[in-house]
Amino acid sequence: IPGAGVDGVIHPPAVARVQLAGGLTDLAVVASNVGNAPALTGQVLRTGAMRWYQPLPAPAAGPPVVIGARAFVPLRDAVGTVYEFDLSTGARLGKIR
């Protein structure tokens, strides 16, 4: 899995099957904190190519949770925010505090 064993990746990635322009694609959804830059990435599992990147305002408090075509990421911030992302585009859809 791309990013496995890289410093800053402390939670196992989630794997999601999403509909992209080229058909169904398996993505590794990876929360990382490389160089104190928290982020969430979607990487094509078969090739390792990065599909999308989203910076996070705080490190992830746990691994991403995939439900359908969305990922939910708990943050290690003062209020326990959970961010919601669209898996096909990486767009941030909302947050829960």
Protein backbone atom coordinates (compact mmCIF):
# COMPACT_ATOMS: atom_id res chain seq x y z
CA ILE A 1 0.00 0.00 0.00
CA PRO A 2 1.45 3.39 -0.94
CA GLY A 3 2.59 5.32 2.12
CA ALA A 4 2.79 2.25 4.37
CA GLY A 5 5.81 2.50 6.61
CA VAL A 6 6.38 6.16 5.78
CA ASP A 7 7.03 8.40 8.78
CA GLY A 8 3.89 10.31 9.65
CA VAL A 9 1.43 7.56 8.63
CA ILE A 10 0.34 6.15 11.99
CA HIS A 11 -3.10 4.69 11.23
CA PRO A 12 -3.82 1.95 8.73
CA PRO A 13 -5.38 3.26 5.52
CA ALA A 14 -8.99 2.54 4.71
CA VAL A 15 -9.74 0.93 1.37
CA ALA A 16 -12.75 2.10 -0.62
CA ARG A 17 -14.17 1.14 -4.00
CA VAL A 18 -15.38 4.29 -5.77
CA GLN A 19 -16.84 5.08 -9.17
CA LEU A 20 -14.40 7.21 -11.20
CA ALA A 21 -14.45 8.18 -14.86
CA GLY A 22 -12.54 4.99 -15.75
CA GLY A 23 -14.88 2.73 -13.77
CA LEU A 24 -14.81 1.23 -10.30
CA THR A 25 -11.47 1.91 -8.64
CA ASP A 26 -10.04 0.84 -5.28
CA LEU A 27 -8.58 3.74 -3.31
CA ALA A 28 -6.36 3.71 -0.24
CA VAL A 29 -7.57 6.56 1.99
CA VAL A 30 -4.53 7.60 4.03
CA ALA A 31 -4.39 10.01 6.97
CA SER A 32 -0.86 11.29 7.56
CA ASN A 33 1.11 13.90 9.43
CA VAL A 34 4.36 14.05 7.47
CA GLY A 35 6.49 17.04 8.48
CA ASN A 36 3.73 18.24 10.85
CA ALA A 37 1.45 18.80 7.83
CA PRO A 38 -1.71 16.77 8.59
CA ALA A 39 -3.47 15.57 5.46
CA LEU A 40 -5.80 13.02 3.92
CA THR A 41 -5.02 11.48 0.54
CA GLY A 42 -6.79 9.16 -1.86
CA GLN A 43 -4.37 6.91 -3.73
CA VAL A 44 -5.21 4.39 -6.44
CA LEU A 45 -4.51 1.07 -4.78
CA ARG A 46 -3.36 -0.70 -7.96
CA THR A 47 -0.81 1.92 -9.06
CA GLY A 48 -0.11 4.08 -6.00
CA ALA A 49 -0.99 7.21 -7.99
CA MET A 50 -2.34 10.03 -5.85
CA ARG A 51 -5.92 10.82 -6.89
CA TRP A 52 -6.47 13.71 -4.46
CA TYR A 53 -4.95 15.49 -1.45
CA GLN A 54 -6.68 17.45 1.31
CA PRO A 55 -4.82 19.26 4.11
CA LEU A 56 -6.30 18.83 7.59
CA PRO A 57 -6.34 21.51 10.32
CA ALA A 58 -5.13 18.96 12.92
CA PRO A 59 -3.73 15.42 12.90
CA ALA A 60 -6.15 12.52 12.58
CA ALA A 61 -7.17 10.96 15.90
CA GLY A 62 -7.79 7.60 14.21
CA PRO A 63 -8.04 5.96 10.81
CA PRO A 64 -10.53 7.22 8.21
CA VAL A 65 -13.93 5.53 8.34
CA VAL A 66 -15.47 4.76 4.93
CA ILE A 67 -19.24 4.67 4.55
CA GLY A 68 -20.43 4.37 0.97
CA ALA A 69 -18.69 7.01 -1.16
CA ARG A 70 -17.64 9.15 1.82
CA ALA A 71 -14.84 9.13 4.37
CA PHE A 72 -15.11 10.46 7.90
CA VAL A 73 -11.90 11.50 9.67
CA PRO A 74 -11.75 12.26 13.40
CA LEU A 75 -9.31 15.02 14.28
CA ARG A 76 -7.11 15.42 17.32
CA ASP A 77 -8.31 18.95 18.07
CA ALA A 78 -9.82 20.57 21.17
CA VAL A 79 -13.44 19.71 20.28
CA GLY A 80 -13.09 16.33 18.52
CA THR A 81 -14.09 17.51 15.06
CA VAL A 82 -14.95 14.89 12.41
CA TYR A 83 -14.50 15.93 8.76
CA GLU A 84 -16.50 14.39 5.90
CA PHE A 85 -14.97 13.90 2.43
CA ASP A 86 -16.25 12.76 -0.97
CA LEU A 87 -14.05 9.80 -1.96
CA SER A 88 -14.24 10.29 -5.73
CA THR A 89 -13.08 13.92 -5.69
CA GLY A 90 -11.53 14.42 -2.25
CA ALA A 91 -13.81 17.44 -1.69
CA ARG A 92 -14.47 18.34 1.93
CA LEU A 93 -18.24 18.08 2.36
CA GLY A 94 -18.66 19.17 5.95
CA LYS A 95 -17.69 18.75 9.56
CA ILE A 96 -19.25 17.69 12.83
CA ARG A 97 -18.17 19.19 16.14
